[in-house]
Amino acid sequence: MKRPLFLHALFLLVLVGVFLGRATAQTVPDPYKPVLDRLESFTIQAIPDLRFHADIAHPEDSLLDDSSWQTIKLDEHWYTNPRVFRRSIEIPAKLNGYATQGASVKLDLTFDSDGPIIIGVFSNGGLVYHGDEGSQQPIPLTESALPGQRFQIAVRLDARAVDTRISGARLLFEPSRDRPSPILVREEIMAARPIIAAYADGRAERQQQLDAAVKAVDFSPLDHGDQAGFDASLRSAQTKLQLLNPWLKQFTIRAVGNSHIDMAWLWPWTETVEVVRNTFRSVLDLSLAVVSAQTAHPAASSPPSCGRSLPPWPARGHHAGPPASRDCVRPPQSPA
């Protein structure tokens, strides 16, 4: 009897040791995180809420008084029909100490809905975007920002009476080309890190090179208002990262994506064609072209009234992918 009890106790001790080991590993702080987080903070400004109202004719009108409108925050859901939104945005002089002068600024505004939606976005009275949720991209506001510069953003959202929400709202800042980019340095560090960790051969040397690049990022000049000094530290970090280039360039990364397209079911078939067109256009923009044989024909041959024409197919690199599923075959050429 003593031996089984001893083995049972030993087994429990092993389990406890494994658990404590994992817990300890999970609580070890990431030495890169403070650097990566602050670099990111120089490029993003959150937009916490927008004013909203029932649909009106011209939400972009500069004379429109929206002071009595209610506010809606990110991820708040609503189930009513079309809405309009407004938000006044002022370019700050600094983001967490980083100067915004001369930066390009984009509005990253996204919506999610259980039904099809059409989005119109205005900046200072001019239309800057019109499309559906499938083609939402950050919208350029300015190529050379000035502190204190203001933008009156207005949005009309045509949606059905289904669950809808604002899934994202923020400003994206990118410094002028004559300055090093904090977000690029951050991405280079994040990209190199897992590749270095995956290969034991020479790992210690390459990890030291990456550590040296991270340590070269010096935030102390920013804390004293010295933007040029901080930019110099970013250039130093990029120089140190260049030492990893010969080794990193031996690898090839293949990005594989998938797009799920619902064929006509509870909506007109022309809407499916428009979704196919938008998807194929994105595929071509990304230099990818693997498509379903069931969708290639309607996208290429449908009349212009069904949607915008597609750009020419690439000379090579495309082929017909797997056919559509049995439960979503292409409908006849008539409204569903």
Protein backbone atom coordinates (compact mmCIF):
# COMPACT_ATOMS: atom_id res chain seq x y z
CA MET A 1 0.00 0.00 0.00
CA LYS A 2 2.85 2.38 0.71
CA ARG A 3 4.25 2.26 -2.82
CA PRO A 4 1.02 3.32 -4.64
CA LEU A 5 0.52 6.13 -2.13
CA PHE A 6 4.09 7.30 -2.68
CA LEU A 7 3.66 7.23 -6.47
CA HIS A 8 0.37 9.06 -6.19
CA ALA A 9 1.97 11.78 -4.06
CA LEU A 10 4.91 12.03 -6.45
CA PHE A 11 2.53 12.41 -9.39
CA LEU A 12 0.70 15.24 -7.60
CA LEU A 13 3.98 16.97 -6.83
CA VAL A 14 4.96 16.80 -10.50
CA LEU A 15 1.63 18.28 -11.54
CA VAL A 16 1.97 21.09 -9.00
CA GLY A 17 5.51 21.77 -10.21
CA VAL A 18 4.41 21.97 -13.84
CA PHE A 19 1.55 24.29 -12.92
CA LEU A 20 3.77 26.57 -10.84
CA GLY A 21 6.37 26.59 -13.60
CA ARG A 22 3.81 27.67 -16.16
CA ALA A 23 2.37 30.29 -13.83
CA THR A 24 5.84 31.71 -13.22
CA ALA A 25 6.57 31.77 -16.95
CA GLN A 26 3.31 33.61 -17.62
CA THR A 27 4.06 36.28 -15.03
CA VAL A 28 7.56 37.06 -16.28
CA PRO A 29 7.32 40.59 -17.72
CA ASP A 30 8.15 41.12 -21.36
CA PRO A 31 11.18 43.43 -21.47
CA TYR A 32 10.19 44.71 -24.93
CA LYS A 33 6.60 45.61 -24.04
CA PRO A 34 7.18 49.13 -22.61
CA VAL A 35 9.16 50.10 -25.72
CA LEU A 36 6.69 48.57 -28.17
CA ASP A 37 3.67 50.06 -26.40
CA ARG A 38 5.07 53.58 -26.34
CA LEU A 39 6.14 53.41 -29.98
CA GLU A 40 2.57 52.43 -30.86
CA SER A 41 1.18 55.30 -28.78
CA PHE A 42 2.92 57.78 -31.13
CA THR A 43 0.83 56.64 -34.10
CA ILE A 44 -2.71 56.11 -32.79
CA GLN A 45 -5.28 58.41 -31.22
CA ALA A 46 -8.51 56.75 -30.15
CA ILE A 47 -11.88 58.30 -30.92
CA PRO A 48 -13.99 57.19 -27.95
CA ASP A 49 -17.43 58.27 -29.18
CA LEU A 50 -19.45 60.07 -31.85
CA ARG A 51 -22.64 62.11 -31.82
CA PHE A 52 -25.58 60.45 -33.60
CA HIS A 53 -29.01 61.30 -34.93
CA ALA A 54 -31.75 59.81 -37.07
CA ASP A 55 -31.09 60.18 -40.80
CA ILE A 56 -31.00 63.77 -42.09
CA ALA A 57 -30.39 65.20 -45.53
CA HIS A 58 -26.95 66.76 -45.12
CA PRO A 59 -25.02 65.64 -42.03
CA GLU A 60 -21.87 67.22 -43.53
CA ASP A 61 -23.34 70.76 -43.44
CA SER A 62 -20.92 72.97 -41.49
CA LEU A 63 -23.86 75.04 -40.16
CA LEU A 64 -25.57 72.00 -38.63
CA ASP A 65 -25.90 72.22 -34.85
CA ASP A 66 -25.26 68.80 -33.30
CA SER A 67 -24.85 70.01 -29.70
CA SER A 68 -28.12 68.37 -28.63
CA TRP A 69 -27.35 65.01 -30.27
CA GLN A 70 -26.76 61.95 -28.12
CA THR A 71 -23.38 60.21 -28.09
CA ILE A 72 -22.59 56.61 -28.88
CA LYS A 73 -19.45 54.74 -27.89
CA LEU A 74 -17.57 51.97 -29.62
CA ASP A 75 -19.30 48.58 -29.59
CA GLU A 76 -22.65 50.01 -28.49
CA HIS A 77 -25.30 48.20 -30.51
CA TRP A 78 -28.39 49.61 -32.16
CA TYR A 79 -31.21 48.10 -34.20
CA THR A 80 -32.79 51.07 -35.95
CA ASN A 81 -32.65 52.16 -39.59
CA PRO A 82 -30.21 54.72 -41.13
CA ARG A 83 -28.25 56.97 -38.81
CA VAL A 84 -25.89 59.90 -39.16
CA PHE A 85 -22.83 60.58 -37.00
CA ARG A 86 -20.62 63.60 -36.41
CA ARG A 87 -17.36 64.24 -34.61
CA SER A 88 -15.10 67.28 -34.48
CA ILE A 89 -11.42 66.29 -34.49
CA GLU A 90 -8.47 68.52 -33.62
CA ILE A 91 -4.90 67.48 -34.41
CA PRO A 92 -2.90 67.48 -31.16
CA ALA A 93 0.55 69.03 -31.02
CA LYS A 94 1.94 65.82 -29.54
CA LEU A 95 0.99 62.19 -29.00
CA ASN A 96 2.49 60.97 -25.74
CA GLY A 97 5.32 63.46 -26.24
CA TYR A 98 5.83 62.78 -29.96
CA ALA A 99 5.39 65.76 -32.31
CA THR A 100 2.69 65.42 -34.96
CA GLN A 101 3.82 68.36 -37.14
CA GLY A 102 3.95 67.30 -40.80
CA ALA A 103 2.53 63.82 -40.25
CA SER A 104 -0.01 62.21 -42.55
CA VAL A 105 -3.28 61.44 -40.77
CA LYS A 106 -5.91 58.86 -41.64
CA LEU A 107 -9.33 58.19 -40.17
CA ASP A 108 -9.79 54.50 -39.39
CA LEU A 109 -13.55 54.09 -38.93
CA THR A 110 -15.25 50.71 -39.22
CA PHE A 111 -18.78 49.43 -38.76
CA ASP A 112 -20.22 45.93 -38.32
CA SER A 113 -23.79 44.89 -39.03
CA ASP A 114 -25.85 41.74 -39.39
CA GLY A 115 -27.10 43.12 -42.70
CA PRO A 116 -25.66 45.00 -45.68
CA ILE A 117 -24.67 48.61 -45.02
CA ILE A 118 -23.63 51.57 -47.15
CA ILE A 119 -21.27 54.08 -45.60
CA GLY A 120 -20.72 57.69 -46.63
CA VAL A 121 -17.96 59.64 -44.87
CA PHE A 122 -17.43 63.41 -45.16
CA SER A 123 -14.50 65.54 -43.99
CA ASN A 124 -15.04 69.29 -43.71
CA GLY A 125 -18.06 69.03 -45.99
CA GLY A 126 -16.44 66.94 -48.75
CA LEU A 127 -17.19 63.29 -49.48
CA VAL A 128 -14.06 61.20 -48.79
CA TYR A 129 -15.50 57.69 -48.82
CA HIS A 130 -18.59 55.90 -50.11
CA GLY A 131 -18.90 52.14 -50.07
CA ASP A 132 -19.90 49.09 -48.08
CA GLU A 133 -18.42 47.43 -45.02
CA GLY A 134 -16.43 45.01 -47.16
CA SER A 135 -14.23 47.74 -48.62
CA GLN A 136 -13.59 49.88 -45.55
CA GLN A 137 -10.05 51.26 -45.42
CA PRO A 138 -8.39 54.09 -43.43
CA ILE A 139 -9.36 57.41 -45.03
CA PRO A 140 -6.66 60.07 -45.62
CA LEU A 141 -7.46 63.37 -43.92
CA THR A 142 -4.19 65.24 -44.52
CA GLU A 143 -0.69 64.54 -45.82
CA SER A 144 0.91 67.23 -43.62
CA ALA A 145 -0.77 67.80 -40.29
CA LEU A 146 -0.66 71.06 -38.39
CA PRO A 147 -1.21 71.15 -34.61
CA GLY A 148 -4.66 72.59 -33.94
CA GLN A 149 -5.93 71.72 -37.44
CA ARG A 150 -9.61 70.73 -37.27
CA PHE A 151 -11.72 68.26 -39.21
CA GLN A 152 -15.49 68.01 -39.01
CA ILE A 153 -16.26 64.35 -39.68
CA ALA A 154 -19.77 63.36 -40.71
CA VAL A 155 -21.02 59.87 -41.55
CA ARG A 156 -24.24 58.58 -43.05
CA LEU A 157 -24.83 54.89 -42.43
CA ASP A 158 -27.60 53.20 -44.42
CA ALA A 159 -28.44 49.99 -42.59
CA ARG A 160 -31.41 47.75 -42.03
CA ALA A 161 -33.15 47.39 -38.66
CA VAL A 162 -30.66 44.77 -37.49
CA ASP A 163 -27.82 44.59 -34.99
CA THR A 164 -25.24 47.25 -35.97
CA ARG A 165 -22.29 48.82 -34.15
CA ILE A 166 -19.21 51.01 -34.55
CA SER A 167 -16.41 48.48 -34.28
CA GLY A 168 -13.48 50.89 -34.55
CA ALA A 169 -12.75 54.61 -34.56
CA ARG A 170 -9.26 56.10 -34.38
CA LEU A 171 -6.76 58.39 -36.08
CA LEU A 172 -3.60 56.92 -37.56
CA PHE A 173 -0.47 59.10 -37.71
CA GLU A 174 2.57 58.48 -39.91
CA PRO A 175 5.53 60.90 -39.72
CA SER A 176 6.84 62.64 -42.82
CA ARG A 177 9.30 60.68 -44.95
CA ASP A 178 12.30 62.68 -43.76
CA ARG A 179 11.80 61.29 -40.25
CA PRO A 180 12.18 57.70 -38.99
CA SER A 181 8.87 55.95 -38.40
CA PRO A 182 8.11 54.68 -34.86
CA ILE A 183 5.57 52.19 -36.20
CA LEU A 184 8.06 50.79 -38.73
CA VAL A 185 10.70 50.28 -36.04
CA ARG A 186 8.07 48.59 -33.87
CA GLU A 187 6.98 46.28 -36.68
CA GLU A 188 10.57 45.36 -37.54
CA ILE A 189 11.25 44.38 -33.92
CA MET A 190 8.03 42.37 -33.69
CA ALA A 191 8.69 40.62 -37.02
CA ALA A 192 12.26 39.62 -36.20
CA ARG A 193 11.54 38.38 -32.70
CA PRO A 194 9.56 35.16 -33.40
CA ILE A 195 11.84 34.17 -36.28
CA ILE A 196 14.91 34.47 -34.07
CA ALA A 197 13.20 32.45 -31.34
CA ALA A 198 12.31 29.67 -33.79
CA TYR A 199 15.90 28.77 -34.75
CA ALA A 200 18.39 27.62 -32.13
CA ASP A 201 21.42 27.89 -34.39
CA GLY A 202 22.96 31.32 -33.80
CA ARG A 203 20.01 32.41 -31.66
CA ALA A 204 22.09 33.92 -28.87
CA GLU A 205 24.01 36.22 -31.22
CA ARG A 206 20.93 37.37 -33.09
CA GLN A 207 19.01 37.90 -29.85
CA GLN A 208 21.83 40.14 -28.64
CA GLN A 209 21.59 42.14 -31.87
CA LEU A 210 17.84 42.56 -31.43
CA ASP A 211 18.27 43.51 -27.77
CA ALA A 212 20.80 46.16 -28.76
CA ALA A 213 18.35 47.64 -31.28
CA VAL A 214 15.56 47.80 -28.69
CA LYS A 215 17.86 49.41 -26.11
CA ALA A 216 18.89 52.03 -28.69
CA VAL A 217 15.34 53.46 -28.63
CA ASP A 218 15.72 56.32 -26.16
CA PHE A 219 12.57 58.08 -24.95
CA SER A 220 14.36 60.45 -22.57
CA PRO A 221 14.85 63.17 -25.23
CA LEU A 222 11.06 63.27 -25.77
CA ASP A 223 10.51 63.70 -22.05
CA HIS A 224 12.60 66.87 -22.32
CA GLY A 225 10.98 68.13 -25.53
CA ASP A 226 13.87 67.04 -27.78
CA GLN A 227 12.20 65.51 -30.84
CA ALA A 228 15.42 65.50 -32.89
CA GLY A 229 17.23 63.55 -30.19
CA PHE A 230 14.52 60.88 -30.15
CA ASP A 231 14.52 60.63 -33.95
CA ALA A 232 18.29 60.08 -33.80
CA SER A 233 17.76 57.17 -31.41
CA LEU A 234 15.26 55.59 -33.84
CA ARG A 235 17.80 55.87 -36.65
CA SER A 236 20.36 54.20 -34.40
CA ALA A 237 17.90 51.38 -33.68
CA GLN A 238 17.25 50.90 -37.40
CA THR A 239 20.99 50.73 -38.07
CA LYS A 240 21.34 47.97 -35.48
CA LEU A 241 18.36 46.10 -36.94
CA GLN A 242 20.09 46.14 -40.34
CA LEU A 243 22.62 43.65 -38.95
CA LEU A 244 19.86 41.03 -38.96
CA ASN A 245 18.95 41.59 -42.60
CA PRO A 246 21.30 39.06 -44.25
CA TRP A 247 20.01 36.27 -42.03
CA LEU A 248 16.32 37.27 -42.23
CA LYS A 249 16.34 37.53 -46.02
CA GLN A 250 16.95 33.80 -46.41
CA PHE A 251 13.34 33.18 -45.36
CA THR A 252 10.23 33.36 -47.52
CA ILE A 253 6.86 34.08 -45.92
CA ARG A 254 3.77 32.95 -47.83
CA ALA A 255 0.56 34.71 -46.83
CA VAL A 256 -2.56 32.68 -47.56
CA GLY A 257 -6.00 34.21 -47.21
CA ASN A 258 -9.57 33.03 -47.60
CA SER A 259 -12.76 34.86 -48.45
CA HIS A 260 -16.18 33.43 -47.66
CA ILE A 261 -18.91 34.71 -49.99
CA ASP A 262 -22.57 33.83 -49.35
CA MET A 263 -24.44 33.33 -52.59
CA ALA A 264 -27.91 34.81 -53.11
CA TRP A 265 -30.31 33.62 -50.45
CA LEU A 266 -32.25 36.35 -48.62
CA TRP A 267 -31.04 39.12 -50.90
CA PRO A 268 -31.00 39.85 -54.68
CA TRP A 269 -28.38 38.00 -56.71
CA THR A 270 -27.05 41.37 -57.90
CA GLU A 271 -25.88 42.05 -54.34
CA THR A 272 -23.84 38.84 -54.40
CA VAL A 273 -22.25 39.93 -57.68
CA GLU A 274 -21.23 43.24 -56.12
CA VAL A 275 -19.67 41.43 -53.15
CA VAL A 276 -17.78 39.18 -55.56
CA ARG A 277 -16.52 42.19 -57.51
CA ASN A 278 -15.31 43.96 -54.36
CA THR A 279 -13.61 40.79 -53.16
CA PHE A 280 -11.86 40.16 -56.48
CA ARG A 281 -10.74 43.78 -56.59
CA SER A 282 -9.15 43.39 -53.14
CA VAL A 283 -7.52 40.15 -54.26
CA LEU A 284 -5.94 41.88 -57.24
CA ASP A 285 -4.82 44.80 -55.08
CA LEU A 286 -3.00 42.27 -52.90
CA SER A 287 -1.47 40.56 -55.97
CA LEU A 288 -3.34 37.36 -55.20
CA ALA A 289 -5.66 35.65 -57.60
CA VAL A 290 -6.99 32.25 -56.59
CA VAL A 291 -10.72 32.26 -57.22
CA SER A 292 -13.72 29.99 -57.25
CA ALA A 293 -14.93 28.87 -60.65
CA GLN A 294 -18.52 29.46 -59.49
CA THR A 295 -17.91 33.17 -58.93
CA ALA A 296 -15.45 34.03 -61.69
CA HIS A 297 -18.05 33.98 -64.46
CA PRO A 298 -20.71 36.27 -62.92
CA ALA A 299 -18.05 38.72 -61.78
CA ALA A 300 -16.56 39.02 -65.25
CA SER A 301 -19.70 38.88 -67.36
CA SER A 302 -22.40 40.70 -65.39
CA PRO A 303 -23.58 44.06 -66.73
CA PRO A 304 -21.98 47.29 -65.44
CA SER A 305 -25.15 48.10 -63.55
CA CYS A 306 -24.33 45.27 -61.16
CA GLY A 307 -21.15 46.98 -60.00
CA ARG A 308 -17.85 48.49 -61.01
CA SER A 309 -15.72 46.79 -63.63
CA LEU A 310 -12.73 44.78 -62.51
CA PRO A 311 -9.15 45.70 -63.44
CA PRO A 312 -7.36 43.34 -65.84
CA TRP A 313 -6.33 39.96 -64.47
CA PRO A 314 -2.59 39.51 -63.91
CA ALA A 315 -0.69 37.80 -66.70
CA ARG A 316 0.12 34.83 -64.50
CA GLY A 317 -0.41 33.46 -61.03
CA HIS A 318 -4.17 32.96 -61.11
CA HIS A 319 -6.20 29.79 -61.42
CA ALA A 320 -9.64 28.51 -60.59
CA GLY A 321 -9.90 27.40 -57.01
CA PRO A 322 -12.38 24.96 -55.46
CA PRO A 323 -16.02 25.23 -56.52
CA ALA A 324 -18.62 26.84 -54.30
CA SER A 325 -20.26 24.71 -51.63
CA ARG A 326 -23.37 22.74 -52.48
CA ASP A 327 -25.54 24.91 -50.27
CA CYS A 328 -24.52 28.14 -51.98
CA VAL A 329 -24.52 27.51 -55.71
CA ARG A 330 -24.84 30.38 -58.16
CA PRO A 331 -28.53 31.35 -58.57
CA PRO A 332 -30.33 31.77 -61.89
CA GLN A 333 -30.08 35.19 -63.56
CA SER A 334 -33.19 36.62 -61.88
CA PRO A 335 -33.96 38.25 -58.54
CA ALA A 336 -34.04 35.78 -55.65
